[in-house]
């Protein structure tokens, strides 16, 4: 007599990692902390209030849903991480009700209305961010100047990408790229940036414009936790070491985006094809945060290696499309969400014969 096997099969997507959920969530949170502390330092105590409001709303929403559905997920760290990421995607000057609404929407609507962690079809933090962006666009695009640039503008300013989007509307000349355009238009730079770029040019016989050091370290207006590419990349080293994330999604994302920027990006500045500035575009905006901490979300990314690469290439293509040809200066959040929606289709057609 054949023995019947009782197997529990749940709807996709599933969490595809052998480590405990709590271990993964809290490790990612720790890796993100340096970038958040930097955001608090350069934008002031207002940034801390935004992060606390976002995290508190997320955790309280999780507690409420736990009470309603009789589950215990509060200590697994997923709600805390969701709130942290929402706060990282906020300007420091945003009214506190905006991150609160974003966190409630992320936890209650995107996460729990689809069954809780493992059932949500898109990244809750990104969904919350996009929801409030379209609900309160003005508040979500009011930026605080970092303390190192307060002498240039004591109140607010545009992000590098926002400045470029506006400044290039009537631009008919030719410059070497976005960095030189910002420099010529008087975009503020720190004294340290000038010294570092002068040393790099003299040492390596390059002709780089100013601004790259500020961009890489995070001395620019922007969202609280996304401005410092340097500190975000430091955190990813440990994530790779612990094998919490793998190379497929971030590398395919950055490679596809960088390739498109290199081929077509220079056309905006009166240059020929294959002259786009890859470094500037990767270190600006939310690409580093998105590529390593959001697009790699194990619940909303594909299950197979082939699927992950397809997913990453798609996110890179959409980010490029929105940034360079859309009406918004940034496109990371929308690009990842759109590809999140396509994950079931990617999983269906990227399975090998052995995987059924």
Protein backbone atom coordinates (compact mmCIF):
# COMPACT_ATOMS: atom_id res chain seq x y z
CA UNK A 1 0.00 0.00 0.00
CA UNK A 2 1.38 3.34 -0.97
CA UNK A 3 1.88 5.83 1.83
CA UNK A 4 0.18 9.18 1.48
CA UNK A 5 2.25 12.27 2.15
CA UNK A 6 0.62 15.26 3.80
CA UNK A 7 2.24 18.28 2.23
CA UNK A 8 1.40 21.88 2.97
CA UNK A 9 1.48 23.96 -0.18
CA UNK A 10 1.04 27.69 0.17
CA UNK A 11 0.53 30.24 -2.54
CA UNK A 12 3.58 32.07 -3.81
CA UNK A 13 5.63 34.02 -3.17
CA UNK A 14 7.35 32.16 -0.36
CA UNK A 15 10.30 33.24 1.76
CA UNK A 16 13.15 31.38 0.08
CA UNK A 17 15.91 31.34 2.67
CA UNK A 18 16.83 28.80 5.33
CA UNK A 19 17.68 31.41 7.97
CA UNK A 20 15.03 32.53 10.43
CA UNK A 21 12.96 35.53 9.45
CA UNK A 22 13.92 37.42 12.61
CA UNK A 23 17.65 36.87 12.04
CA UNK A 24 17.43 38.18 8.50
CA UNK A 25 15.28 41.21 9.32
CA UNK A 26 17.36 42.37 12.26
CA UNK A 27 20.62 41.83 10.39
CA UNK A 28 19.40 43.98 7.50
CA UNK A 29 18.26 46.60 10.00
CA UNK A 30 21.70 46.72 11.63
CA UNK A 31 23.39 47.05 8.24
CA UNK A 32 21.14 50.02 7.45
CA UNK A 33 21.81 51.90 10.70
CA UNK A 34 25.02 53.74 9.65
CA UNK A 35 23.23 55.36 6.69
CA UNK A 36 20.36 56.41 8.96
CA UNK A 37 22.68 57.89 11.58
CA UNK A 38 24.38 59.85 8.82
CA UNK A 39 21.01 61.17 7.68
CA UNK A 40 20.21 62.32 11.22
CA UNK A 41 23.62 63.99 11.48
CA UNK A 42 23.42 65.98 8.25
CA UNK A 43 19.70 66.82 8.30
CA UNK A 44 19.28 67.37 12.03
CA UNK A 45 16.90 66.13 14.71
CA UNK A 46 13.90 66.50 12.36
CA UNK A 47 15.16 63.44 10.50
CA UNK A 48 15.14 61.46 13.74
CA UNK A 49 11.52 62.44 14.39
CA UNK A 50 10.54 61.23 10.92
CA UNK A 51 12.25 57.86 11.48
CA UNK A 52 10.69 57.40 14.92
CA UNK A 53 7.21 58.27 13.62
CA UNK A 54 7.56 55.89 10.70
CA UNK A 55 8.85 52.98 12.78
CA UNK A 56 6.33 53.53 15.59
CA UNK A 57 3.39 53.59 13.16
CA UNK A 58 4.63 50.45 11.46
CA UNK A 59 5.18 48.50 14.69
CA UNK A 60 1.84 49.62 16.19
CA UNK A 61 0.04 48.64 12.99
CA UNK A 62 1.70 45.23 13.16
CA UNK A 63 0.63 44.84 16.79
CA UNK A 64 -2.95 45.73 15.91
CA UNK A 65 -3.04 43.23 13.05
CA UNK A 66 -1.50 40.57 15.30
CA UNK A 67 -4.33 41.14 17.76
CA UNK A 68 -6.96 40.93 15.04
CA UNK A 69 -5.68 37.78 13.31
CA UNK A 70 -4.32 36.08 16.46
CA UNK A 71 -0.73 35.79 15.25
CA UNK A 72 2.62 36.69 16.81
CA UNK A 73 4.94 38.34 14.32
CA UNK A 74 5.84 41.53 16.15
CA UNK A 75 9.30 40.36 17.20
CA UNK A 76 10.40 39.02 13.82
CA UNK A 77 11.65 42.49 12.88
CA UNK A 78 9.77 42.78 9.60
CA UNK A 79 7.52 45.62 10.77
CA UNK A 80 10.45 47.52 12.29
CA UNK A 81 12.42 47.15 9.05
CA UNK A 82 9.44 48.27 6.98
CA UNK A 83 9.06 51.40 9.09
CA UNK A 84 12.79 52.07 8.91
CA UNK A 85 12.85 51.80 5.12
CA UNK A 86 9.83 54.07 4.80
CA UNK A 87 11.58 56.63 6.97
CA UNK A 88 14.72 56.30 4.86
CA UNK A 89 12.68 57.19 1.79
CA UNK A 90 11.32 60.41 3.33
CA UNK A 91 12.65 63.98 3.19
CA UNK A 92 13.66 65.28 6.60
CA UNK A 93 11.19 68.17 6.33
CA UNK A 94 8.15 66.02 5.55
CA UNK A 95 5.15 66.45 7.92
CA UNK A 96 5.08 63.57 10.40
CA UNK A 97 1.64 62.40 9.31
CA UNK A 98 3.06 61.45 5.91
CA UNK A 99 5.43 58.67 7.12
CA UNK A 100 2.74 57.58 9.61
CA UNK A 101 0.18 57.11 6.82
CA UNK A 102 2.80 55.41 4.63
CA UNK A 103 3.61 52.90 7.40
CA UNK A 104 -0.04 52.15 8.16
CA UNK A 105 -0.75 51.62 4.46
CA UNK A 106 2.31 49.40 4.08
CA UNK A 107 1.51 47.14 7.03
CA UNK A 108 -2.29 47.00 7.02
CA UNK A 109 -3.07 47.14 3.29
CA UNK A 110 -0.04 45.80 1.44
CA UNK A 111 1.19 43.27 3.98
CA UNK A 112 -1.72 41.95 6.05
CA UNK A 113 -4.57 42.22 3.57
CA UNK A 114 -2.64 39.70 1.50
CA UNK A 115 -1.94 37.32 4.36
CA UNK A 116 1.03 38.78 6.19
CA UNK A 117 4.74 38.29 5.57
CA UNK A 118 5.22 35.91 2.66
CA UNK A 119 1.89 36.72 1.05
CA UNK A 120 2.42 40.33 0.00
CA UNK A 121 2.96 40.71 -3.72
CA UNK A 122 4.99 43.92 -3.56
CA UNK A 123 7.49 45.46 -1.17
CA UNK A 124 5.37 47.08 1.59
CA UNK A 125 7.84 49.89 2.28
CA UNK A 126 8.01 50.91 -1.37
CA UNK A 127 4.25 50.66 -1.73
CA UNK A 128 3.80 52.95 1.28
CA UNK A 129 6.33 55.39 -0.10
CA UNK A 130 4.70 55.54 -3.53
CA UNK A 131 1.22 55.89 -1.98
CA UNK A 132 2.14 59.01 -0.01
CA UNK A 133 4.27 60.38 -2.86
CA UNK A 134 1.24 60.65 -5.12
CA UNK A 135 -0.98 61.75 -2.22
CA UNK A 136 1.33 64.51 -0.94
CA UNK A 137 3.74 65.20 -3.77
CA UNK A 138 4.70 68.68 -2.63
CA UNK A 139 5.57 67.54 0.88
CA UNK A 140 7.49 64.55 -0.51
CA UNK A 141 9.63 66.78 -2.74
CA UNK A 142 10.63 69.47 -0.25
CA UNK A 143 14.27 68.83 0.56
CA UNK A 144 16.51 69.96 3.40
CA UNK A 145 20.07 71.02 2.69
CA UNK A 146 22.67 69.03 4.67
CA UNK A 147 24.51 70.89 7.41
CA UNK A 148 27.71 71.04 5.31
CA UNK A 149 25.91 73.12 2.66
CA UNK A 150 23.84 75.34 4.94
CA UNK A 151 25.97 78.34 3.99
CA UNK A 152 24.72 77.96 0.41
CA UNK A 153 21.04 77.69 1.29
CA UNK A 154 19.81 77.79 4.86
CA UNK A 155 16.35 76.36 4.15
CA UNK A 156 15.95 73.97 1.28
CA UNK A 157 17.20 72.95 -2.12
CA UNK A 158 16.79 70.50 -4.95
CA UNK A 159 18.35 67.06 -5.12
CA UNK A 160 20.98 66.60 -7.85
CA UNK A 161 18.49 64.62 -9.96
CA UNK A 162 15.73 67.17 -9.42
CA UNK A 163 18.05 70.04 -10.30
CA UNK A 164 19.06 68.24 -13.50
CA UNK A 165 15.47 67.43 -14.48
CA UNK A 166 14.50 71.10 -14.21
CA UNK A 167 17.71 72.62 -15.53
CA UNK A 168 17.89 70.48 -18.66
CA UNK A 169 14.44 71.50 -19.89
CA UNK A 170 15.82 74.55 -21.74
CA UNK A 171 19.42 73.39 -22.13
CA UNK A 172 20.78 73.44 -25.69
CA UNK A 173 24.54 73.45 -25.11
CA UNK A 174 27.09 70.74 -24.49
CA UNK A 175 28.90 69.77 -21.29
CA UNK A 176 30.90 66.71 -20.31
CA UNK A 177 28.06 65.31 -18.24
CA UNK A 178 25.79 65.86 -15.23
CA UNK A 179 28.58 66.75 -12.79
CA UNK A 180 29.91 69.55 -14.98
CA UNK A 181 26.38 70.80 -15.65
CA UNK A 182 25.70 71.06 -11.91
CA UNK A 183 29.01 72.82 -11.35
CA UNK A 184 28.40 75.34 -14.12
CA UNK A 185 24.90 76.06 -12.80
CA UNK A 186 26.25 76.81 -9.35
CA UNK A 187 24.97 73.73 -7.54
CA UNK A 188 26.47 73.87 -4.02
CA UNK A 189 29.48 71.72 -3.18
CA UNK A 190 31.47 71.32 0.01
CA UNK A 191 35.04 72.54 0.40
CA UNK A 192 36.10 68.95 1.07
CA UNK A 193 34.65 67.87 -2.27
CA UNK A 194 36.80 70.43 -4.08
CA UNK A 195 39.95 69.27 -2.32
CA UNK A 196 39.25 65.57 -2.84
CA UNK A 197 38.41 65.97 -6.52
CA UNK A 198 41.50 68.13 -7.05
CA UNK A 199 43.66 65.40 -5.49
CA UNK A 200 42.03 62.68 -7.60
CA UNK A 201 42.52 64.64 -10.82
CA UNK A 202 46.15 65.44 -10.06
CA UNK A 203 46.99 61.93 -8.87
CA UNK A 204 45.26 59.93 -11.58
CA UNK A 205 45.48 62.55 -14.36
CA UNK A 206 41.72 62.70 -14.76
CA UNK A 207 39.45 65.65 -15.54
CA UNK A 208 36.49 64.96 -13.27
CA UNK A 209 34.21 67.81 -12.31
CA UNK A 210 33.42 68.55 -8.70
CA UNK A 211 30.55 66.91 -6.89
CA UNK A 212 31.43 63.21 -6.97
CA UNK A 213 32.77 63.11 -3.42
CA UNK A 214 29.66 64.82 -2.03
CA UNK A 215 27.49 62.46 -4.04
CA UNK A 216 29.28 59.34 -2.83
CA UNK A 217 29.53 60.32 0.83
CA UNK A 218 26.06 61.86 1.08
CA UNK A 219 26.63 65.61 1.37
CA UNK A 220 23.59 66.36 -0.76
CA UNK A 221 19.86 67.02 -0.33
CA UNK A 222 17.76 63.88 -0.53
CA UNK A 223 15.84 61.29 1.42
CA UNK A 224 17.11 60.59 4.94
CA UNK A 225 18.59 57.15 4.43
CA UNK A 226 19.48 57.06 0.75
CA UNK A 227 21.99 59.90 0.35
CA UNK A 228 25.16 58.11 1.50
CA UNK A 229 26.09 55.52 -1.10
CA UNK A 230 29.29 54.85 0.85
CA UNK A 231 27.58 53.80 4.08
CA UNK A 232 24.90 51.80 2.30
CA UNK A 233 27.57 49.88 0.40
CA UNK A 234 29.42 49.17 3.65
CA UNK A 235 26.30 47.47 4.96
CA UNK A 236 25.91 45.35 1.84
CA UNK A 237 29.35 43.83 2.36
CA UNK A 238 28.09 42.12 5.51
CA UNK A 239 24.83 41.10 3.83
CA UNK A 240 26.82 39.32 1.12
CA UNK A 241 29.13 37.80 3.72
CA UNK A 242 26.15 36.36 5.61
CA UNK A 243 24.57 35.29 2.29
CA UNK A 244 21.38 37.16 3.12
CA UNK A 245 21.44 38.62 -0.38
CA UNK A 246 22.96 37.22 -3.55
CA UNK A 247 24.49 38.94 -6.56
CA UNK A 248 21.84 38.23 -9.19
CA UNK A 249 19.32 41.01 -8.54
CA UNK A 250 21.61 43.94 -7.61
CA UNK A 251 24.27 43.18 -10.21
CA UNK A 252 21.79 42.70 -13.06
CA UNK A 253 19.94 45.83 -11.91
CA UNK A 254 23.03 48.03 -11.78
CA UNK A 255 24.53 46.50 -14.94
CA UNK A 256 21.43 47.02 -17.07
CA UNK A 257 20.87 50.52 -15.75
CA UNK A 258 24.55 51.43 -16.16
CA UNK A 259 24.65 50.08 -19.71
CA UNK A 260 21.64 52.13 -20.76
CA UNK A 261 23.08 55.24 -19.10
CA UNK A 262 26.41 54.72 -20.88
CA UNK A 263 24.74 54.30 -24.29
CA UNK A 264 22.04 56.97 -24.11
CA UNK A 265 22.73 59.12 -21.03
CA UNK A 266 25.11 61.55 -22.72
CA UNK A 267 22.53 62.67 -25.26
CA UNK A 268 20.88 64.92 -22.66
CA UNK A 269 24.09 66.98 -22.46
CA UNK A 270 24.76 67.36 -26.16
CA UNK A 271 27.14 64.39 -26.29
CA UNK A 272 27.30 61.37 -28.57
CA UNK A 273 26.10 57.86 -27.81
CA UNK A 274 28.25 55.77 -25.43
CA UNK A 275 29.25 58.78 -23.35
CA UNK A 276 26.87 58.65 -20.37
CA UNK A 277 28.14 59.10 -16.81
CA UNK A 278 27.50 55.77 -15.08
CA UNK A 279 29.02 56.63 -11.69
CA UNK A 280 27.04 59.82 -11.24
CA UNK A 281 23.74 58.13 -12.03
CA UNK A 282 24.35 55.10 -9.82
CA UNK A 283 25.44 57.13 -6.80
CA UNK A 284 22.59 59.65 -7.11
CA UNK A 285 19.03 59.10 -5.94
CA UNK A 286 17.88 55.85 -4.38
CA UNK A 287 19.52 53.26 -6.62
CA UNK A 288 21.98 51.89 -4.05
CA UNK A 289 19.28 51.60 -1.38
CA UNK A 290 16.87 50.11 -3.90
CA UNK A 291 19.28 47.68 -5.52
CA UNK A 292 20.69 46.11 -2.35
CA UNK A 293 17.98 46.54 0.27
CA UNK A 294 14.63 46.62 -1.55
CA UNK A 295 14.83 44.86 -4.89
CA UNK A 296 16.46 41.92 -3.07
CA UNK A 297 13.46 41.46 -0.76
CA UNK A 298 13.14 37.67 -0.59
CA UNK A 299 9.34 37.71 -0.56
CA UNK A 300 8.80 39.87 -3.63
CA UNK A 301 11.74 38.78 -5.79
CA UNK A 302 11.81 35.69 -8.06
CA UNK A 303 12.68 32.23 -6.77
CA UNK A 304 15.14 31.12 -9.45
CA UNK A 305 18.54 32.54 -10.38
CA UNK A 306 17.41 33.07 -13.96
CA UNK A 307 14.27 34.81 -12.73
CA UNK A 308 16.29 37.09 -10.44
CA UNK A 309 18.46 38.22 -13.35
CA UNK A 310 15.40 38.91 -15.50
CA UNK A 311 13.88 40.81 -12.59
CA UNK A 312 17.01 42.91 -12.06
CA UNK A 313 17.34 43.74 -15.75
CA UNK A 314 13.69 44.80 -15.81
CA UNK A 315 14.11 47.08 -12.79
CA UNK A 316 17.20 48.64 -14.37
CA UNK A 317 15.39 49.28 -17.64
CA UNK A 318 12.36 50.83 -15.96
CA UNK A 319 14.49 52.99 -13.67
CA UNK A 320 16.35 54.34 -16.70
CA UNK A 321 13.13 54.91 -18.60
CA UNK A 322 11.45 56.83 -15.78
CA UNK A 323 14.52 58.86 -14.85
CA UNK A 324 15.53 59.94 -18.33
CA UNK A 325 12.24 60.09 -20.22
CA UNK A 326 9.55 60.36 -17.52
CA UNK A 327 8.25 63.37 -15.67
CA UNK A 328 9.89 62.37 -12.36
CA UNK A 329 13.60 62.81 -11.60
CA UNK A 330 13.70 59.46 -9.78
CA UNK A 331 12.26 56.09 -10.74
CA UNK A 332 13.59 53.44 -8.36
CA UNK A 333 10.45 52.89 -6.27
CA UNK A 334 8.07 52.66 -9.22
CA UNK A 335 10.45 50.42 -11.17
CA UNK A 336 10.77 47.90 -8.34
CA UNK A 337 7.03 47.85 -7.66
CA UNK A 338 6.20 47.29 -11.33
CA UNK A 339 8.62 44.37 -11.45
CA UNK A 340 7.24 43.02 -8.14
CA UNK A 341 3.89 42.68 -9.87
CA UNK A 342 5.49 40.67 -12.66
CA UNK A 343 7.28 38.19 -10.34
CA UNK A 344 4.63 35.41 -10.60
CA UNK A 345 4.94 35.55 -14.39
CA UNK A 346 8.74 35.55 -14.20
CA UNK A 347 8.68 32.56 -11.84
CA UNK A 348 6.32 30.68 -14.13
CA UNK A 349 8.53 30.99 -17.22
CA UNK A 350 11.94 30.87 -15.56
CA UNK A 351 11.53 27.46 -13.92
CA UNK A 352 13.81 24.71 -15.10
CA UNK A 353 12.43 21.33 -16.14
CA UNK A 354 13.62 19.79 -12.88
CA UNK A 355 11.76 22.38 -10.79
CA UNK A 356 8.42 21.38 -12.24
